[in-house]
C-alpha atoms as a PDB file:
ATOM      1  CA  MET A   1     107.500  53.750  36.166  1.00  0.00           C
ATOM      2  CA  GLY A   2     104.134  53.037  34.482  1.00  0.00           C
ATOM      3  CA  PRO A   3     102.813  49.560  33.689  1.00  0.00           C
ATOM      4  CA  ARG A   4     103.623  49.720  29.989  1.00  0.00           C
ATOM      5  CA  ARG A   5     107.163  51.006  30.617  1.00  0.00           C
ATOM      6  CA  SER A   6     107.738  48.208  33.183  1.00  0.00           C
ATOM      7  CA  LEU A   7     106.642  45.587  30.670  1.00  0.00           C
ATOM      8  CA  SER A   8     108.729  47.115  27.885  1.00  0.00           C
ATOM      9  CA  ALA A   9     111.826  47.162  30.105  1.00  0.00           C
ATOM     10  CA  LEU A  10     111.314  43.522  30.981  1.00  0.00           C
ATOM     11  CA  LYS A  11     110.950  42.505  27.342  1.00  0.00           C
ATOM     12  CA  ARG A  12     114.127  44.397  26.386  1.00  0.00           C
ATOM     13  CA  ALA A  13     116.026  42.620  29.166  1.00  0.00           C
ATOM     14  CA  GLN A  14     114.789  39.260  27.913  1.00  0.00           C
ATOM     15  CA  SER A  15     115.854  39.955  24.324  1.00  0.00           C
ATOM     16  CA  ARG A  16     119.416  40.736  25.443  1.00  0.00           C
ATOM     17  CA  SER A  17     119.736  37.636  27.571  1.00  0.00           C
ATOM     18  CA  PRO A  18     121.268  34.429  26.139  1.00  0.00           C
ATOM     19  CA  TYR A  19     119.171  32.366  28.517  1.00  0.00           C
ATOM     20  CA  THR A  20     115.658  32.647  29.862  1.00  0.00           C
ATOM     21  CA  THR A  21     113.958  31.249  32.893  1.00  0.00           C
ATOM     22  CA  SER A  22     110.669  29.403  32.426  1.00  0.00           C
ATOM     23  CA  LEU A  23     108.150  29.484  35.248  1.00  0.00           C
ATOM     24  CA  CYS A  24     104.842  27.693  35.111  1.00  0.00           C
ATOM     25  CA  LEU A  25     101.601  29.236  36.350  1.00  0.00           C
ATOM     26  CA  LYS A  26      99.577  27.010  38.677  1.00  0.00           C
ATOM     27  CA  TYR A  27      96.506  29.071  38.098  1.00  0.00           C
ATOM     28  CA  LEU A  28      95.536  32.650  37.328  1.00  0.00           C
ATOM     29  CA  LYS A  29      92.784  34.160  39.448  1.00  0.00           C
ATOM     30  CA  LEU A  30      91.604  37.537  38.217  1.00  0.00           C
ATOM     31  CA  LEU A  31      90.263  39.923  40.831  1.00  0.00           C
ATOM     32  CA  GLU A  32      88.479  43.200  40.048  1.00  0.00           C
ATOM     33  CA  ASP A  33      91.639  45.109  39.319  1.00  0.00           C
ATOM     34  CA  PHE A  34      94.493  42.660  39.792  1.00  0.00           C
ATOM     35  CA  ALA A  35      95.304  38.984  39.375  1.00  0.00           C
ATOM     36  CA  GLU A  36      97.350  37.003  41.836  1.00  0.00           C
ATOM     37  CA  VAL A  37      99.845  34.838  40.027  1.00  0.00           C
ATOM     38  CA  ARG A  38     100.927  31.545  41.527  1.00  0.00           C
ATOM     39  CA  PHE A  39     103.580  29.437  39.956  1.00  0.00           C
ATOM     40  CA  HIS A  40     103.386  25.739  39.214  1.00  0.00           C
ATOM     41  CA  PHE A  41     105.727  23.464  37.254  1.00  0.00           C
ATOM     42  CA  GLY A  42     104.356  21.597  34.266  1.00  0.00           C
ATOM     43  CA  GLU A  43     101.338  23.810  33.415  1.00  0.00           C
ATOM     44  CA  VAL A  44     100.869  27.141  31.578  1.00  0.00           C
ATOM     45  CA  LYS A  45     104.376  28.549  31.044  1.00  0.00           C
ATOM     46  CA  TYR A  46     105.486  32.157  31.378  1.00  0.00           C
ATOM     47  CA  THR A  47     108.991  33.174  30.446  1.00  0.00           C
ATOM     48  CA  PHE A  48     110.766  36.119  31.969  1.00  0.00           C
ATOM     49  CA  GLY A  49     114.091  36.984  33.585  1.00  0.00           C
ATOM     50  CA  LEU A  50     117.317  38.853  33.386  1.00  0.00           C
ATOM     51  CA  LEU A  51     119.578  35.816  33.260  1.00  0.00           C
ATOM     52  CA  LYS A  52     123.042  37.021  32.299  1.00  0.00           C
ATOM     53  CA  ASN A  53     124.623  33.553  32.278  1.00  0.00           C
ATOM     54  CA  ARG A  54     123.930  30.060  33.606  1.00  0.00           C
ATOM     55  CA  HIS A  55     125.345  30.745  37.044  1.00  0.00           C
ATOM     56  CA  GLU A  56     124.395  34.378  37.516  1.00  0.00           C
ATOM     57  CA  TYR A  57     120.792  35.334  38.149  1.00  0.00           C
ATOM     58  CA  ASP A  58     120.354  37.406  41.258  1.00  0.00           C
ATOM     59  CA  THR A  59     117.960  40.114  40.146  1.00  0.00           C
ATOM     60  CA  LYS A  60     115.056  41.238  42.285  1.00  0.00           C
ATOM     61  CA  ILE A  61     111.857  41.611  40.285  1.00  0.00           C
ATOM     62  CA  GLY A  62     109.121  43.119  42.410  1.00  0.00           C
ATOM     63  CA  ASN A  63     105.585  44.319  41.902  1.00  0.00           C
ATOM     64  CA  ILE A  64     105.745  44.478  38.103  1.00  0.00           C
ATOM     65  CA  MET A  65     102.495  45.774  36.661  1.00  0.00           C
ATOM     66  CA  VAL A  66     101.459  44.771  33.152  1.00  0.00           C
ATOM     67  CA  ASP A  67      98.339  45.380  31.137  1.00  0.00           C
ATOM     68  CA  CYS A  68      96.148  42.339  30.431  1.00  0.00           C
ATOM     69  CA  ALA A  69      94.496  41.764  27.078  1.00  0.00           C
ATOM     70  CA  ASP A  70      91.125  42.564  28.653  1.00  0.00           C
ATOM     71  CA  LYS A  71      92.511  45.891  29.978  1.00  0.00           C
ATOM     72  CA  ARG A  72      92.613  44.587  33.502  1.00  0.00           C
ATOM     73  CA  GLN A  73      95.913  44.466  35.329  1.00  0.00           C
ATOM     74  CA  MET A  74      98.009  41.696  36.728  1.00  0.00           C
ATOM     75  CA  LYS A  75     100.417  42.008  39.601  1.00  0.00           C
ATOM     76  CA  PHE A  76     103.507  39.844  39.749  1.00  0.00           C
ATOM     77  CA  ASN A  77     104.805  39.424  43.275  1.00  0.00           C
ATOM     78  CA  ALA A  78     108.058  37.891  42.131  1.00  0.00           C
ATOM     79  CA  GLU A  79     110.583  36.830  44.717  1.00  0.00           C
ATOM     80  CA  LYS A  80     114.336  37.073  44.427  1.00  0.00           C
ATOM     81  CA  LEU A  81     115.443  34.378  42.019  1.00  0.00           C
ATOM     82  CA  THR A  82     118.889  32.848  41.908  1.00  0.00           C
ATOM     83  CA  ALA A  83     120.484  30.168  39.758  1.00  0.00           C
ATOM     84  CA  SER A  84     120.045  27.796  42.695  1.00  0.00           C
ATOM     85  CA  HIS A  85     116.391  28.647  43.160  1.00  0.00           C
ATOM     86  CA  SER A  86     115.091  28.860  39.610  1.00  0.00           C
ATOM     87  CA  CYS A  87     116.058  27.148  36.405  1.00  0.00           C
ATOM     88  CA  SER A  88     114.731  26.632  32.889  1.00  0.00           C
ATOM     89  CA  LEU A  89     112.362  23.861  33.834  1.00  0.00           C
ATOM     90  CA  PRO A  90     111.565  21.107  31.356  1.00  0.00           C
ATOM     91  CA  VAL A  91     108.252  19.301  31.252  1.00  0.00           C
ATOM     92  CA  PRO A  92     108.206  16.629  34.007  1.00  0.00           C
ATOM     93  CA  GLU A  93     109.870  13.380  32.977  1.00  0.00           C
ATOM     94  CA  ALA A  94     107.621  10.325  32.626  1.00  0.00           C
ATOM     95  CA  LEU A  95     109.605   8.152  35.018  1.00  0.00           C
ATOM     96  CA  THR A  96     108.925   4.579  36.058  1.00  0.00           C
ATOM     97  CA  ARG A  97     110.461   2.503  38.832  1.00  0.00           C
ATOM     98  CA  ASP A  98     112.805  -0.441  38.376  1.00  0.00           C
ATOM     99  CA  PRO A  99     111.388  -3.482  40.232  1.00  0.00           C
ATOM    100  CA  GLU A 100     114.751  -5.257  39.946  1.00  0.00           C
ATOM    101  CA  THR A 101     116.200  -2.755  42.434  1.00  0.00           C
ATOM    102  CA  ALA A 102     113.313  -2.792  44.943  1.00  0.00           C
ATOM    103  CA  ASN A 103     113.745  -3.936  48.530  1.00  0.00           C
ATOM    104  CA  ASN A 104     111.650  -7.083  49.002  1.00  0.00           C
ATOM    105  CA  GLN A 105     109.357  -5.338  51.504  1.00  0.00           C
ATOM    106  CA  LEU A 106     108.131  -2.827  48.943  1.00  0.00           C
ATOM    107  CA  SER A 107     104.947  -3.145  46.907  1.00  0.00           C
ATOM    108  CA  ILE A 108     104.968  -1.635  43.392  1.00  0.00           C
ATOM    109  CA  SER A 109     101.996  -0.795  41.178  1.00  0.00           C
ATOM    110  CA  GLN A 110     101.588  -2.534  37.822  1.00  0.00           C
ATOM    111  CA  ASP A 111     102.371   0.649  35.918  1.00  0.00           C
ATOM    112  CA  LEU A 112     105.593   1.020  37.971  1.00  0.00           C
ATOM    113  CA  THR A 113     104.761   4.565  39.085  1.00  0.00           C
ATOM    114  CA  SER A 114     103.677   3.950  42.718  1.00  0.00           C
ATOM    115  CA  VAL A 115     105.486   2.315  45.630  1.00  0.00           C
ATOM    116  CA  ARG A 116     104.455   1.657  49.232  1.00  0.00           C
ATOM    117  CA  PHE A 117     105.650  -0.412  52.172  1.00  0.00           C
ATOM    118  CA  GLY A 118     104.125  -3.872  51.717  1.00  0.00           C
ATOM    119  CA  ASP A 119     102.163  -5.984  54.167  1.00  0.00           C
ATOM    120  CA  GLU A 120     104.607  -8.859  53.929  1.00  0.00           C
ATOM    121  CA  GLU A 121     108.131  -9.594  52.728  1.00  0.00           C
ATOM    122  CA  GLN A 122     108.354 -10.994  49.210  1.00  0.00           C
ATOM    123  CA  ASP A 123     110.537 -13.877  48.084  1.00  0.00           C
ATOM    124  CA  LEU A 124     112.599 -12.125  45.408  1.00  0.00           C
ATOM    125  CA  PRO A 125     115.955 -13.029  43.823  1.00  0.00           C
ATOM    126  CA  ASP A 126     118.917 -11.504  45.672  1.00  0.00           C
ATOM    127  CA  GLN A 127     120.326  -9.642  42.689  1.00  0.00           C
ATOM    128  CA  PRO A 128     123.323  -7.290  42.944  1.00  0.00           C
ATOM    129  CA  GLN A 129     121.195  -4.272  42.063  1.00  0.00           C
ATOM    130  CA  ARG A 130     118.501  -4.963  44.683  1.00  0.00           C
ATOM    131  CA  PHE A 131     118.513  -3.005  47.944  1.00  0.00           C
ATOM    132  CA  GLU A 132     118.998  -5.402  50.833  1.00  0.00           C
ATOM    133  CA  ARG A 133     118.166  -3.266  53.891  1.00  0.00           C
ATOM    134  CA  LEU A 134     117.285   0.219  52.700  1.00  0.00           C
ATOM    135  CA  LEU A 135     113.567   0.380  51.853  1.00  0.00           C
ATOM    136  CA  CYS A 136     114.412   1.898  48.483  1.00  0.00           C
ATOM    137  CA  ILE A 137     113.763   1.540  44.789  1.00  0.00           C
ATOM    138  CA  LEU A 138     115.454   3.281  41.842  1.00  0.00           C
ATOM    139  CA  SER A 139     113.851   4.657  38.720  1.00  0.00           C
ATOM    140  CA  SER A 140     114.351   2.753  35.488  1.00  0.00           C
ATOM    141  CA  GLN A 141     115.793   5.934  33.987  1.00  0.00           C
ATOM    142  CA  SER A 142     119.225   7.372  34.720  1.00  0.00           C
ATOM    143  CA  PHE A 143     120.727  10.729  33.768  1.00  0.00           C
ATOM    144  CA  SER A 144     124.263  11.692  32.821  1.00  0.00           C
ATOM    145  CA  SER A 145     123.763  14.970  30.958  1.00  0.00           C
ATOM    146  CA  GLU A 146     121.534  17.991  30.444  1.00  0.00           C
ATOM    147  CA  ARG A 147     118.718  19.137  32.710  1.00  0.00           C
ATOM    148  CA  GLN A 148     115.897  16.959  33.999  1.00  0.00           C
ATOM    149  CA  TYR A 149     112.831  17.527  36.135  1.00  0.00           C
ATOM    150  CA  TRP A 150     110.360  15.130  37.736  1.00  0.00           C
ATOM    151  CA  GLU A 151     107.583  15.279  40.301  1.00  0.00           C
ATOM    152  CA  VAL A 152     106.544  12.978  43.139  1.00  0.00           C
ATOM    153  CA  ASP A 153     103.130  12.854  44.795  1.00  0.00           C
ATOM    154  CA  LEU A 154     103.786  12.495  48.543  1.00  0.00           C
ATOM    155  CA  GLY A 155     100.129  12.377  49.526  1.00  0.00           C
ATOM    156  CA  LYS A 156      99.600  12.591  53.282  1.00  0.00           C
ATOM    157  CA  LYS A 157     102.529  10.355  54.126  1.00  0.00           C
ATOM    158  CA  PRO A 158     104.004  11.141  57.579  1.00  0.00           C
ATOM    159  CA  LEU A 159     107.451   9.837  56.540  1.00  0.00           C
ATOM    160  CA  TRP A 160     109.206   9.666  53.181  1.00  0.00           C
ATOM    161  CA  VAL A 161     112.607   9.982  51.503  1.00  0.00           C
ATOM    162  CA  VAL A 162     113.201  11.250  47.950  1.00  0.00           C
ATOM    163  CA  SER A 163     116.710  11.443  46.584  1.00  0.00           C
ATOM    164  CA  VAL A 164     119.095  11.405  43.667  1.00  0.00           C
ATOM    165  CA  CYS A 165     121.957   8.948  43.930  1.00  0.00           C
ATOM    166  CA  ARG A 166     125.061   7.818  42.076  1.00  0.00           C
ATOM    167  CA  GLU A 167     124.921   4.569  40.126  1.00  0.00           C
ATOM    168  CA  SER A 168     127.765   3.154  42.221  1.00  0.00           C
ATOM    169  CA  ILE A 169     126.055   3.405  45.631  1.00  0.00           C
ATOM    170  CA  SER A 170     126.110   0.281  47.755  1.00  0.00           C
ATOM    171  CA  ARG A 171     122.883  -1.715  47.674  1.00  0.00           C
ATOM    172  CA  LYS A 172     123.770  -4.179  50.430  1.00  0.00           C
ATOM    173  CA  GLY A 173     124.060  -3.844  54.188  1.00  0.00           C
ATOM    174  CA  SER A 174     123.235  -0.812  56.311  1.00  0.00           C
ATOM    175  CA  ILE A 175     123.769   2.381  54.347  1.00  0.00           C
ATOM    176  CA  GLN A 176     123.273   5.945  55.509  1.00  0.00           C
ATOM    177  CA  PRO A 177     121.706   7.956  52.655  1.00  0.00           C
ATOM    178  CA  SER A 178     124.037  10.927  53.008  1.00  0.00           C
ATOM    179  CA  PRO A 179     126.046  13.013  50.511  1.00  0.00           C
ATOM    180  CA  ASP A 180     129.198  11.209  51.651  1.00  0.00           C
ATOM    181  CA  ASN A 181     127.654   7.971  50.374  1.00  0.00           C
ATOM    182  CA  GLY A 182     126.465   9.347  47.043  1.00  0.00           C
ATOM    183  CA  PHE A 183     122.932  10.494  47.955  1.00  0.00           C
ATOM    184  CA  ARG A 184     121.375  13.937  47.518  1.00  0.00           C
ATOM    185  CA  VAL A 185     118.427  13.587  49.876  1.00  0.00           C
ATOM    186  CA  ILE A 186     115.409  15.489  51.089  1.00  0.00           C
ATOM    187  CA  ALA A 187     113.143  13.731  53.566  1.00  0.00           C
ATOM    188  CA  ARG A 188     110.385  13.916  56.106  1.00  0.00           C
ATOM    189  CA  LEU A 189     111.991  12.067  58.994  1.00  0.00           C
ATOM    190  CA  PRO A 190     112.290  12.697  62.749  1.00  0.00           C
ATOM    191  CA  ASP A 191     116.084  12.274  62.814  1.00  0.00           C
ATOM    192  CA  CYS A 192     117.317  14.176  59.742  1.00  0.00           C
ATOM    193  CA  LYS A 193     120.164  15.879  61.584  1.00  0.00           C
ATOM    194  CA  SER A 194     121.645  12.636  62.874  1.00  0.00           C
ATOM    195  CA  LEU A 195     121.414  11.209  59.351  1.00  0.00           C
ATOM    196  CA  LYS A 196     123.140  14.317  57.911  1.00  0.00           C
ATOM    197  CA  ILE A 197     120.044  15.092  55.844  1.00  0.00           C
ATOM    198  CA  PRO A 198     118.969  18.761  55.498  1.00  0.00           C
ATOM    199  CA  ASP A 199     116.307  19.338  58.164  1.00  0.00           C
ATOM    200  CA  VAL A 200     114.033  21.312  55.856  1.00  0.00           C
ATOM    201  CA  ILE A 201     110.596  19.670  55.926  1.00  0.00           C
ATOM    202  CA  SER A 202     110.192  19.611  59.721  1.00  0.00           C
ATOM    203  CA  GLN A 203     110.494  23.404  59.798  1.00  0.00           C
ATOM    204  CA  LEU A 204     107.571  23.936  57.419  1.00  0.00           C
ATOM    205  CA  LYS A 205     104.158  24.650  58.918  1.00  0.00           C
ATOM    206  CA  VAL A 206     102.475  23.177  55.834  1.00  0.00           C
ATOM    207  CA  LYS A 207     104.151  20.012  54.597  1.00  0.00           C
ATOM    208  CA  PRO A 208     104.504  19.563  50.829  1.00  0.00           C
ATOM    209  CA  ARG A 209     102.057  17.185  49.158  1.00  0.00           C
ATOM    210  CA  LYS A 210     103.955  17.146  45.864  1.00  0.00           C
ATOM    211  CA  LEU A 211     107.709  17.413  45.423  1.00  0.00           C
ATOM    212  CA  GLY A 212     109.569  18.680  42.355  1.00  0.00           C
ATOM    213  CA  VAL A 213     113.146  17.526  41.728  1.00  0.00           C
ATOM    214  CA  TYR A 214     115.332  19.452  39.291  1.00  0.00           C
ATOM    215  CA  LEU A 215     118.684  18.074  38.133  1.00  0.00           C
ATOM    216  CA  ASP A 216     121.194  20.205  36.238  1.00  0.00           C
ATOM    217  CA  TYR A 217     123.904  17.641  35.528  1.00  0.00           C
ATOM    218  CA  GLU A 218     126.476  19.915  33.884  1.00  0.00           C
ATOM    219  CA  GLY A 219     125.691  22.723  36.337  1.00  0.00           C
ATOM    220  CA  GLY A 220     126.212  20.356  39.278  1.00  0.00           C
ATOM    221  CA  GLN A 221     122.923  21.060  41.033  1.00  0.00           C
ATOM    222  CA  VAL A 222     120.044  19.041  42.473  1.00  0.00           C
ATOM    223  CA  SER A 223     117.166  21.231  43.674  1.00  0.00           C
ATOM    224  CA  PHE A 224     113.936  20.353  45.457  1.00  0.00           C
ATOM    225  CA  TYR A 225     110.690  22.347  45.310  1.00  0.00           C
ATOM    226  CA  ASP A 226     107.184  22.292  46.738  1.00  0.00           C
ATOM    227  CA  VAL A 227     105.166  21.892  43.538  1.00  0.00           C
ATOM    228  CA  GLU A 228     102.039  23.540  44.973  1.00  0.00           C
ATOM    229  CA  ASP A 229     103.542  27.015  45.263  1.00  0.00           C
ATOM    230  CA  MET A 230     106.963  26.566  43.646  1.00  0.00           C
ATOM    231  CA  SER A 231     108.752  27.387  46.883  1.00  0.00           C
ATOM    232  CA  HIS A 232     112.396  26.338  46.894  1.00  0.00           C
ATOM    233  CA  LEU A 233     113.262  23.797  49.609  1.00  0.00           C
ATOM    234  CA  HIS A 234     116.939  22.941  49.177  1.00  0.00           C
ATOM    235  CA  THR A 235     119.746  22.734  46.608  1.00  0.00           C
ATOM    236  CA  PHE A 236     122.782  20.455  46.610  1.00  0.00           C
ATOM    237  CA  THR A 237     125.839  21.402  44.559  1.00  0.00           C
ATOM    238  CA  ASP A 238     128.474  18.962  43.378  1.00  0.00           C
ATOM    239  CA  THR A 239     130.477  17.818  40.368  1.00  0.00           C
ATOM    240  CA  PHE A 240     128.821  14.778  38.803  1.00  0.00           C
ATOM    241  CA  THR A 241     130.950  12.188  37.059  1.00  0.00           C
ATOM    242  CA  GLU A 242     128.671   9.144  36.756  1.00  0.00           C
ATOM    243  CA  LYS A 243     125.063   8.237  36.079  1.00  0.00           C
ATOM    244  CA  LEU A 244     122.503   9.577  38.536  1.00  0.00           C
ATOM    245  CA  TYR A 245     119.255   7.820  39.463  1.00  0.00           C
ATOM    246  CA  PRO A 246     116.088   9.095  41.135  1.00  0.00           C
ATOM    247  CA  ILE A 247     115.569   6.989  44.269  1.00  0.00           C
ATOM    248  CA  PHE A 248     112.543   6.643  46.553  1.00  0.00           C
ATOM    249  CA  ASN A 249     111.841   5.363  50.067  1.00  0.00           C
ATOM    250  CA  PRO A 250     108.155   5.225  51.178  1.00  0.00           C
ATOM    251  CA  CYS A 251     109.265   4.404  54.738  1.00  0.00           C
ATOM    252  CA  LYS A 252     107.746   2.012  57.246  1.00  0.00           C
ATOM    253  CA  THR A 253     105.396   3.520  59.814  1.00  0.00           C
ATOM    254  CA  ASP A 254     103.080   2.196  62.510  1.00  0.00           C
ATOM    255  CA  THR A 255     100.346   4.629  61.525  1.00  0.00           C
ATOM    256  CA  ALA A 256      97.163   2.871  60.426  1.00  0.00           C
ATOM    257  CA  ASP A 257      96.139   5.630  58.017  1.00  0.00           C
ATOM    258  CA  ASP A 258      99.514   5.738  56.240  1.00  0.00           C
ATOM    259  CA  THR A 259      98.088   4.222  53.065  1.00  0.00           C
ATOM    260  CA  ASP A 260      99.317   6.703  50.441  1.00  0.00           C
ATOM    261  CA  PRO A 261     102.101   5.535  48.128  1.00  0.00           C
ATOM    262  CA  LEU A 262     104.925   7.597  46.703  1.00  0.00           C
ATOM    263  CA  ARG A 263     103.594   8.183  43.206  1.00  0.00           C
ATOM    264  CA  LEU A 264     105.458   9.533  40.201  1.00  0.00           C
ATOM    265  CA  LEU A 265     103.629  12.306  38.347  1.00  0.00           C
ATOM    266  CA  THR A 266     103.719  13.187  34.673  1.00  0.00           C
ATOM    267  CA  SER A 267     102.558  16.254  32.801  1.00  0.00           C
END
């Protein structure tokens, strides 16, 4: 099938579909004859797909050739996309962190977007919403409907935990951040398996520097992505019945060069 026929077929499939899937291009590098397309959330958006319904998208799109405006050609090396791996992604939410929930060993930036393990314990009121032992802080925003997406700059941190949790999670005492306790967690930790956390990050040769979190509340999914190349890391499925909060743990390490915070990103 020629390039123009491939493009026409794709457009016809899109027009018949009640839903579309938005992917964002990280950058577009034109070579002599072809351009390599890399995907990135929150930047230039391309829309394509054969999404038949919200839970059914399992169509392989491979090596689709289309004509560029300048008569050059672009090659899409599109991977198999599923409802778990690709969604209609909104622009990243402009989240902030709630200092009233922060463990007293955490240091928060003035704009409430960055958090790191502090040099010394702070004398803070022991409020019901504050984490007593977990080195965690919640976002100020909660979600109980629709689809949401946010991004976290991990920097070069050797350890970190990023999660979505139920509003009703316990804030006091020793808590294991597992699905049984209301957490949907991805982390860079040495003991993920013992904590019942998906051991995803340790298996990657290149560790993610930026993490994308996609929440489909009605669809019952929380998905995590490496923002740099849009690779899917893990998806949790569940039925949500209460408010969900983004939650962050910058972790305590003995590494002298562990100076990067967990920083919330916006578009």
